[in-house]
Amino acid sequence: MLAVNYSTVRNNLKTYCDEATDNGETVIVTRKEEKNIVIISLEKYNQLEKAARNAEYLAMIDRGIAQLEAGKGQMHELIEVGDE
């Protein structure tokens, strides 16, 4: 992980973009008033997004299990789907 000030990144943007994409580096761009940002590759961003979606999905399943355990579930007959 690299921490670099805004002016340095601005003057060397290609270098830091290459660090993120070619070397998998996370670049923290420090700015005034703690308005920092992060540069990461699209691949790493997609991984983070997928992990967040998976965590949300697992939390939803956990909530459903908790509801069932609390007696808030309903039984339904299964519907057979015929060949169409």
Protein backbone atom coordinates (compact mmCIF):
# COMPACT_ATOMS: atom_id res chain seq x y z
CA MET A 1 0.00 0.00 0.00
CA LEU A 2 1.32 3.40 -0.99
CA ALA A 3 0.33 6.75 0.50
CA VAL A 4 1.09 9.68 -1.78
CA ASN A 5 0.03 13.30 -1.71
CA TYR A 6 -2.28 14.71 -4.36
CA SER A 7 0.35 16.84 -6.11
CA THR A 8 2.73 13.90 -6.53
CA VAL A 9 -0.04 11.73 -7.99
CA ARG A 10 -1.14 14.52 -10.30
CA ASN A 11 2.40 14.89 -11.63
CA ASN A 12 2.91 11.12 -11.98
CA LEU A 13 -0.58 9.78 -12.63
CA LYS A 14 0.48 7.16 -15.17
CA THR A 15 3.07 5.74 -12.79
CA TYR A 16 0.55 5.32 -9.97
CA CYS A 17 -2.12 3.93 -12.29
CA ASP A 18 0.43 1.38 -13.49
CA GLU A 19 1.27 0.51 -9.88
CA ALA A 20 -2.40 -0.21 -9.25
CA THR A 21 -3.02 -2.22 -12.41
CA ASP A 22 0.30 -3.95 -13.04
CA ASN A 23 1.46 -4.58 -9.46
CA GLY A 24 -1.88 -4.82 -7.65
CA GLU A 25 -0.87 -1.89 -5.45
CA THR A 26 -3.38 0.17 -3.49
CA VAL A 27 -2.55 3.87 -3.74
CA ILE A 28 -3.94 6.19 -1.08
CA VAL A 29 -4.04 9.77 -2.34
CA THR A 30 -3.77 12.11 0.63
CA ARG A 31 -5.59 15.42 0.37
CA LYS A 32 -6.33 18.40 2.58
CA GLU A 33 -8.94 18.09 5.33
CA GLU A 34 -8.74 14.26 5.31
CA LYS A 35 -10.58 14.03 1.97
CA ASN A 36 -8.36 11.12 0.94
CA ILE A 37 -9.16 8.76 -1.91
CA VAL A 38 -7.91 5.35 -3.03
CA ILE A 39 -6.74 4.20 -6.46
CA ILE A 40 -7.17 0.47 -7.10
CA SER A 41 -7.38 -1.64 -10.23
CA LEU A 42 -10.76 -2.48 -11.73
CA GLU A 43 -10.05 -6.14 -10.97
CA LYS A 44 -9.55 -5.41 -7.27
CA TYR A 45 -12.62 -3.14 -7.24
CA ASN A 46 -14.75 -5.91 -8.77
CA GLN A 47 -13.48 -8.35 -6.13
CA LEU A 48 -14.45 -5.94 -3.37
CA GLU A 49 -17.90 -5.41 -4.88
CA LYS A 50 -18.44 -9.17 -5.18
CA ALA A 51 -17.37 -9.70 -1.56
CA ALA A 52 -19.81 -6.99 -0.42
CA ARG A 53 -22.68 -8.56 -2.41
CA ASN A 54 -21.84 -11.98 -0.97
CA ALA A 55 -21.80 -10.56 2.56
CA GLU A 56 -25.23 -8.95 1.98
CA TYR A 57 -26.60 -12.22 0.61
CA LEU A 58 -25.27 -14.22 3.56
CA ALA A 59 -26.72 -11.67 5.99
CA MET A 60 -30.10 -12.05 4.27
CA ILE A 61 -29.90 -15.83 4.65
CA ASP A 62 -28.97 -15.43 8.33
CA ARG A 63 -31.99 -13.15 8.86
CA GLY A 64 -34.23 -15.74 7.18
CA ILE A 65 -32.89 -18.52 9.38
CA ALA A 66 -33.44 -16.36 12.47
CA GLN A 67 -37.04 -15.72 11.38
CA LEU A 68 -37.64 -19.44 10.88
CA GLU A 69 -36.16 -20.23 14.28
CA ALA A 70 -38.45 -17.58 15.81
CA GLY A 71 -41.46 -19.40 14.36
CA LYS A 72 -42.20 -16.81 11.69
CA GLY A 73 -42.01 -19.23 8.75
CA GLN A 74 -44.86 -20.61 6.62
CA MET A 75 -45.21 -24.03 5.01
CA HIS A 76 -46.24 -24.33 1.38
CA GLU A 77 -46.82 -27.26 -0.90
CA LEU A 78 -44.26 -27.63 -3.64
CA ILE A 79 -45.48 -26.91 -7.13
CA GLU A 80 -44.48 -29.47 -9.76
CA VAL A 81 -43.39 -27.86 -13.02
CA GLY A 82 -44.41 -29.96 -16.01
CA ASP A 83 -42.59 -30.31 -19.32
CA GLU A 84 -43.54 -27.52 -21.65
